[in-house]
Amino acid sequence: MTSAVQRQTVAASNLANLDTPGYRTREASFAGALNKELEAGTLALTNAGHLAGAGQTAASTTSEVEGLSSRRDGNNVQLDRELLTLTRASGDFSAAQTALAAKFRLVRYAINESR
């Protein structure tokens, strides 16, 4: 869910800078965030079956998109590309939210059945 929110935030930022001269399109990637966390060594085992949370440091893992054509003002933000990114991130968030809600329903069921 955090990754989907991060992608939505970066796409919204790109859309906000659609008419800013010289602005370069940015994108967030899960692989980049994971690599940053692994290099920083902030992931720590708290239990043999658990990993520590990612925290807020992954939210700053963005990179400039290469290979997009630029307009005369140097801006390379493409409206269609950003809207598609927003739509995909929204779908990913909804899917993760549905899966999480199902897990909570199972936990609630297990708690209530023991009474």
N, C-alpha and C. Protein backbone atom coordinates (compact mmCIF):
# COMPACT_ATOMS: atom_id res chain seq x y z
N MET A 1 0.82 -1.18 0.00
CA MET A 1 0.00 0.00 0.00
C MET A 1 0.87 1.25 0.00
N THR A 2 1.97 1.20 0.73
CA THR A 2 2.87 2.35 0.79
C THR A 2 3.47 2.64 -0.57
N SER A 3 3.82 1.59 -1.28
CA SER A 3 4.39 1.75 -2.63
C SER A 3 3.38 2.39 -3.57
N ALA A 4 2.12 1.98 -3.50
CA ALA A 4 1.08 2.55 -4.35
C ALA A 4 0.86 4.02 -4.03
N VAL A 5 0.87 4.35 -2.75
CA VAL A 5 0.71 5.76 -2.35
C VAL A 5 1.89 6.58 -2.84
N GLN A 6 3.07 6.02 -2.75
CA GLN A 6 4.27 6.72 -3.22
C GLN A 6 4.18 6.99 -4.72
N ARG A 7 3.75 5.99 -5.49
CA ARG A 7 3.62 6.18 -6.94
C ARG A 7 2.55 7.23 -7.26
N GLN A 8 1.44 7.24 -6.50
CA GLN A 8 0.41 8.25 -6.71
C GLN A 8 0.94 9.64 -6.41
N THR A 9 1.71 9.77 -5.35
CA THR A 9 2.27 11.06 -4.96
C THR A 9 3.23 11.60 -6.01
N VAL A 10 4.09 10.74 -6.52
CA VAL A 10 5.05 11.16 -7.54
C VAL A 10 4.33 11.55 -8.83
N ALA A 11 3.33 10.76 -9.24
CA ALA A 11 2.56 11.09 -10.44
C ALA A 11 1.81 12.40 -10.28
N ALA A 12 1.24 12.64 -9.09
CA ALA A 12 0.54 13.90 -8.84
C ALA A 12 1.51 15.07 -8.89
N SER A 13 2.72 14.87 -8.39
CA SER A 13 3.74 15.91 -8.45
C SER A 13 4.12 16.20 -9.90
N ASN A 14 4.25 15.15 -10.69
CA ASN A 14 4.55 15.34 -12.11
C ASN A 14 3.44 16.13 -12.79
N LEU A 15 2.18 15.78 -12.49
CA LEU A 15 1.06 16.50 -13.09
C LEU A 15 1.02 17.96 -12.65
N ALA A 16 1.37 18.21 -11.39
CA ALA A 16 1.39 19.59 -10.89
C ALA A 16 2.44 20.42 -11.61
N ASN A 17 3.49 19.77 -12.09
CA ASN A 17 4.57 20.49 -12.79
C ASN A 17 4.48 20.33 -14.30
N LEU A 18 3.30 20.05 -14.79
CA LEU A 18 3.08 19.83 -16.22
C LEU A 18 3.55 21.02 -17.07
N ASP A 19 3.34 22.22 -16.58
CA ASP A 19 3.70 23.43 -17.34
C ASP A 19 4.94 24.14 -16.79
N THR A 20 5.69 23.50 -15.91
CA THR A 20 6.90 24.10 -15.36
C THR A 20 8.06 23.90 -16.33
N PRO A 21 8.64 24.99 -16.83
CA PRO A 21 9.77 24.86 -17.77
C PRO A 21 10.95 24.13 -17.13
N GLY A 22 11.50 23.19 -17.86
CA GLY A 22 12.68 22.46 -17.41
C GLY A 22 12.42 21.33 -16.44
N TYR A 23 11.16 21.12 -16.05
CA TYR A 23 10.87 20.04 -15.11
C TYR A 23 11.04 18.70 -15.80
N ARG A 24 11.66 17.76 -15.10
CA ARG A 24 11.89 16.42 -15.63
C ARG A 24 11.00 15.43 -14.88
N THR A 25 10.38 14.53 -15.61
CA THR A 25 9.48 13.53 -15.03
C THR A 25 10.23 12.63 -14.06
N ARG A 26 9.61 12.37 -12.90
CA ARG A 26 10.17 11.49 -11.89
C ARG A 26 9.26 10.28 -11.76
N GLU A 27 9.82 9.18 -11.27
CA GLU A 27 9.02 7.99 -11.00
C GLU A 27 9.54 7.30 -9.76
N ALA A 28 8.64 6.60 -9.09
CA ALA A 28 8.99 5.84 -7.90
C ALA A 28 8.99 4.37 -8.28
N SER A 29 9.97 3.65 -7.77
CA SER A 29 10.02 2.22 -8.07
C SER A 29 10.20 1.44 -6.78
N PHE A 30 9.51 0.32 -6.69
CA PHE A 30 9.61 -0.54 -5.52
C PHE A 30 11.02 -1.10 -5.39
N ALA A 31 11.61 -1.48 -6.51
CA ALA A 31 12.96 -2.06 -6.47
C ALA A 31 13.97 -1.05 -5.92
N GLY A 32 13.83 0.20 -6.32
CA GLY A 32 14.73 1.23 -5.81
C GLY A 32 14.57 1.44 -4.31
N ALA A 33 13.34 1.43 -3.84
CA ALA A 33 13.09 1.59 -2.40
C ALA A 33 13.65 0.41 -1.62
N LEU A 34 13.45 -0.80 -2.15
CA LEU A 34 13.95 -1.99 -1.48
C LEU A 34 15.49 -1.99 -1.44
N ASN A 35 16.12 -1.65 -2.55
CA ASN A 35 17.59 -1.59 -2.58
C ASN A 35 18.13 -0.57 -1.61
N LYS A 36 17.46 0.58 -1.52
CA LYS A 36 17.91 1.63 -0.59
C LYS A 36 17.84 1.13 0.84
N GLU A 37 16.76 0.44 1.20
CA GLU A 37 16.61 -0.09 2.55
C GLU A 37 17.64 -1.17 2.84
N LEU A 38 17.92 -2.02 1.86
CA LEU A 38 18.90 -3.08 2.07
C LEU A 38 20.31 -2.52 2.23
N GLU A 39 20.65 -1.49 1.44
CA GLU A 39 21.97 -0.87 1.54
C GLU A 39 22.13 -0.13 2.86
N ALA A 40 21.06 0.50 3.33
CA ALA A 40 21.14 1.25 4.57
C ALA A 40 21.22 0.33 5.78
N GLY A 41 20.81 -0.90 5.60
CA GLY A 41 20.86 -1.86 6.70
C GLY A 41 19.82 -1.58 7.77
N THR A 42 18.74 -0.90 7.42
CA THR A 42 17.72 -0.57 8.41
C THR A 42 16.74 -1.71 8.65
N LEU A 43 16.75 -2.72 7.79
CA LEU A 43 15.89 -3.87 8.02
C LEU A 43 16.54 -4.76 9.08
N ALA A 44 15.79 -5.05 10.11
CA ALA A 44 16.34 -5.85 11.20
C ALA A 44 15.33 -6.90 11.62
N LEU A 45 15.82 -8.06 11.92
CA LEU A 45 14.95 -9.12 12.40
C LEU A 45 14.60 -8.86 13.86
N THR A 46 13.31 -8.80 14.15
CA THR A 46 12.85 -8.65 15.53
C THR A 46 12.40 -9.99 16.09
N ASN A 47 12.14 -10.90 15.18
CA ASN A 47 11.71 -12.25 15.52
C ASN A 47 12.10 -13.10 14.31
N ALA A 48 12.30 -14.36 14.50
CA ALA A 48 12.70 -15.22 13.39
C ALA A 48 11.71 -15.16 12.23
N GLY A 49 10.44 -14.87 12.51
CA GLY A 49 9.41 -14.86 11.47
C GLY A 49 9.00 -13.47 11.02
N HIS A 50 9.64 -12.42 11.53
CA HIS A 50 9.23 -11.05 11.21
C HIS A 50 10.39 -10.20 10.72
N LEU A 51 10.06 -9.19 9.91
CA LEU A 51 11.02 -8.18 9.50
C LEU A 51 10.56 -6.84 10.02
N ALA A 52 11.51 -5.95 10.24
CA ALA A 52 11.16 -4.60 10.70
C ALA A 52 10.46 -3.86 9.57
N GLY A 53 9.65 -2.88 9.92
CA GLY A 53 8.93 -2.08 8.94
C GLY A 53 9.86 -1.23 8.11
N ALA A 54 9.39 -0.82 6.93
CA ALA A 54 10.22 -0.03 6.03
C ALA A 54 10.39 1.39 6.49
N GLY A 55 9.45 1.95 7.25
CA GLY A 55 9.56 3.32 7.71
C GLY A 55 9.29 4.31 6.59
N GLN A 56 9.66 5.55 6.81
CA GLN A 56 9.36 6.61 5.85
C GLN A 56 10.50 6.87 4.88
N THR A 57 11.65 6.22 5.04
CA THR A 57 12.78 6.52 4.16
C THR A 57 12.53 6.08 2.73
N ALA A 58 11.69 5.09 2.52
CA ALA A 58 11.42 4.60 1.17
C ALA A 58 10.65 5.62 0.33
N ALA A 59 9.95 6.54 1.00
CA ALA A 59 9.12 7.51 0.29
C ALA A 59 9.96 8.47 -0.55
N SER A 60 11.26 8.60 -0.24
CA SER A 60 12.08 9.54 -0.99
C SER A 60 12.82 8.88 -2.15
N THR A 61 12.55 7.62 -2.45
CA THR A 61 13.24 6.91 -3.52
C THR A 61 12.53 7.14 -4.85
N THR A 62 12.97 8.17 -5.54
CA THR A 62 12.45 8.46 -6.87
C THR A 62 13.63 8.67 -7.80
N SER A 63 13.38 8.53 -9.08
CA SER A 63 14.43 8.76 -10.06
C SER A 63 13.84 9.43 -11.29
N GLU A 64 14.70 10.09 -12.02
CA GLU A 64 14.26 10.75 -13.25
C GLU A 64 14.04 9.71 -14.34
N VAL A 65 12.97 9.87 -15.11
CA VAL A 65 12.64 8.94 -16.17
C VAL A 65 13.48 9.29 -17.40
N GLU A 66 14.14 8.30 -17.94
CA GLU A 66 14.98 8.49 -19.13
C GLU A 66 14.19 8.13 -20.39
N GLY A 67 14.52 8.75 -21.48
CA GLY A 67 13.97 8.37 -22.78
C GLY A 67 12.68 9.04 -23.17
N LEU A 68 12.18 9.99 -22.37
CA LEU A 68 10.96 10.71 -22.76
C LEU A 68 11.32 11.92 -23.59
N SER A 69 10.50 12.20 -24.57
CA SER A 69 10.78 13.36 -25.41
C SER A 69 10.42 14.64 -24.67
N SER A 70 11.24 15.67 -24.87
CA SER A 70 11.03 16.95 -24.20
C SER A 70 10.39 17.95 -25.15
N ARG A 71 9.63 18.87 -24.55
CA ARG A 71 9.07 19.98 -25.32
C ARG A 71 10.12 21.07 -25.44
N ARG A 72 9.79 22.15 -26.11
CA ARG A 72 10.74 23.25 -26.29
C ARG A 72 11.19 23.87 -24.98
N ASP A 73 10.34 23.86 -23.97
CA ASP A 73 10.70 24.46 -22.69
C ASP A 73 11.52 23.52 -21.81
N GLY A 74 11.83 22.32 -22.29
CA GLY A 74 12.64 21.36 -21.54
C GLY A 74 11.84 20.43 -20.65
N ASN A 75 10.54 20.62 -20.55
CA ASN A 75 9.68 19.79 -19.73
C ASN A 75 9.35 18.51 -20.51
N ASN A 76 9.39 17.37 -19.83
CA ASN A 76 9.09 16.11 -20.51
C ASN A 76 7.93 15.34 -19.88
N VAL A 77 7.08 16.03 -19.10
CA VAL A 77 5.92 15.38 -18.48
C VAL A 77 4.86 15.12 -19.55
N GLN A 78 4.36 13.88 -19.57
CA GLN A 78 3.32 13.49 -20.53
C GLN A 78 2.03 13.21 -19.75
N LEU A 79 0.98 13.96 -20.07
CA LEU A 79 -0.28 13.87 -19.35
C LEU A 79 -0.84 12.44 -19.35
N ASP A 80 -0.89 11.81 -20.51
CA ASP A 80 -1.44 10.45 -20.61
C ASP A 80 -0.67 9.45 -19.76
N ARG A 81 0.64 9.55 -19.77
CA ARG A 81 1.48 8.64 -19.01
C ARG A 81 1.22 8.80 -17.51
N GLU A 82 1.10 10.01 -17.05
CA GLU A 82 0.89 10.27 -15.63
C GLU A 82 -0.51 9.83 -15.18
N LEU A 83 -1.51 10.06 -16.02
CA LEU A 83 -2.86 9.61 -15.67
C LEU A 83 -2.93 8.09 -15.61
N LEU A 84 -2.23 7.42 -16.50
CA LEU A 84 -2.17 5.95 -16.48
C LEU A 84 -1.47 5.47 -15.22
N THR A 85 -0.39 6.14 -14.84
CA THR A 85 0.33 5.79 -13.61
C THR A 85 -0.58 5.95 -12.39
N LEU A 86 -1.34 7.04 -12.35
CA LEU A 86 -2.28 7.26 -11.24
C LEU A 86 -3.34 6.16 -11.19
N THR A 87 -3.86 5.78 -12.34
CA THR A 87 -4.88 4.74 -12.40
C THR A 87 -4.34 3.40 -11.94
N ARG A 88 -3.15 3.05 -12.40
CA ARG A 88 -2.54 1.77 -11.99
C ARG A 88 -2.24 1.74 -10.50
N ALA A 89 -1.71 2.85 -9.97
CA ALA A 89 -1.40 2.92 -8.55
C ALA A 89 -2.68 2.83 -7.71
N SER A 90 -3.74 3.45 -8.19
CA SER A 90 -5.02 3.38 -7.49
C SER A 90 -5.55 1.94 -7.47
N GLY A 91 -5.42 1.24 -8.58
CA GLY A 91 -5.84 -0.16 -8.64
C GLY A 91 -5.01 -1.04 -7.73
N ASP A 92 -3.70 -0.81 -7.69
CA ASP A 92 -2.83 -1.58 -6.79
C ASP A 92 -3.18 -1.33 -5.33
N PHE A 93 -3.48 -0.06 -5.00
CA PHE A 93 -3.86 0.27 -3.63
C PHE A 93 -5.16 -0.43 -3.26
N SER A 94 -6.13 -0.40 -4.16
CA SER A 94 -7.42 -1.04 -3.89
C SER A 94 -7.27 -2.54 -3.70
N ALA A 95 -6.43 -3.16 -4.51
CA ALA A 95 -6.19 -4.61 -4.37
C ALA A 95 -5.54 -4.93 -3.04
N ALA A 96 -4.56 -4.13 -2.64
CA ALA A 96 -3.89 -4.35 -1.36
C ALA A 96 -4.85 -4.11 -0.20
N GLN A 97 -5.70 -3.10 -0.33
CA GLN A 97 -6.68 -2.80 0.70
C GLN A 97 -7.69 -3.94 0.86
N THR A 98 -8.11 -4.51 -0.25
CA THR A 98 -9.05 -5.64 -0.21
C THR A 98 -8.41 -6.85 0.46
N ALA A 99 -7.16 -7.14 0.12
CA ALA A 99 -6.46 -8.27 0.73
C ALA A 99 -6.27 -8.05 2.22
N LEU A 100 -5.93 -6.84 2.61
CA LEU A 100 -5.74 -6.54 4.03
C LEU A 100 -7.06 -6.65 4.80
N ALA A 101 -8.14 -6.17 4.20
CA ALA A 101 -9.45 -6.27 4.84
C ALA A 101 -9.86 -7.74 5.02
N ALA A 102 -9.55 -8.58 4.04
CA ALA A 102 -9.85 -10.01 4.15
C ALA A 102 -9.07 -10.64 5.29
N LYS A 103 -7.82 -10.26 5.45
CA LYS A 103 -7.01 -10.81 6.55
C LYS A 103 -7.57 -10.37 7.90
N PHE A 104 -7.99 -9.12 7.99
CA PHE A 104 -8.58 -8.64 9.24
C PHE A 104 -9.90 -9.36 9.54
N ARG A 105 -10.68 -9.66 8.51
CA ARG A 105 -11.92 -10.41 8.71
C ARG A 105 -11.62 -11.80 9.27
N LEU A 106 -10.56 -12.43 8.76
CA LEU A 106 -10.18 -13.76 9.27
C LEU A 106 -9.75 -13.68 10.74
N VAL A 107 -8.99 -12.65 11.08
CA VAL A 107 -8.56 -12.49 12.46
C VAL A 107 -9.78 -12.24 13.36
N ARG A 108 -10.68 -11.38 12.93
CA ARG A 108 -11.89 -11.08 13.70
C ARG A 108 -12.73 -12.36 13.87
N TYR A 109 -12.83 -13.14 12.83
CA TYR A 109 -13.57 -14.41 12.89
C TYR A 109 -12.93 -15.35 13.91
N ALA A 110 -11.61 -15.45 13.85
CA ALA A 110 -10.90 -16.34 14.78
C ALA A 110 -11.09 -15.88 16.23
N ILE A 111 -11.09 -14.60 16.47
CA ILE A 111 -11.28 -14.07 17.83
C ILE A 111 -12.70 -14.36 18.31
N ASN A 112 -13.68 -14.12 17.46
CA ASN A 112 -15.07 -14.29 17.86
C ASN A 112 -15.46 -15.76 18.03
N GLU A 113 -14.83 -16.67 17.30
CA GLU A 113 -15.16 -18.10 17.40
C GLU A 113 -14.66 -18.71 18.71
N SER A 114 -13.70 -18.09 19.34
CA SER A 114 -13.15 -18.66 20.57
C SER A 114 -14.04 -18.36 21.78
N ARG A 115 -15.03 -17.52 21.62
CA ARG A 115 -15.93 -17.16 22.74
C ARG A 115 -17.00 -18.18 22.95
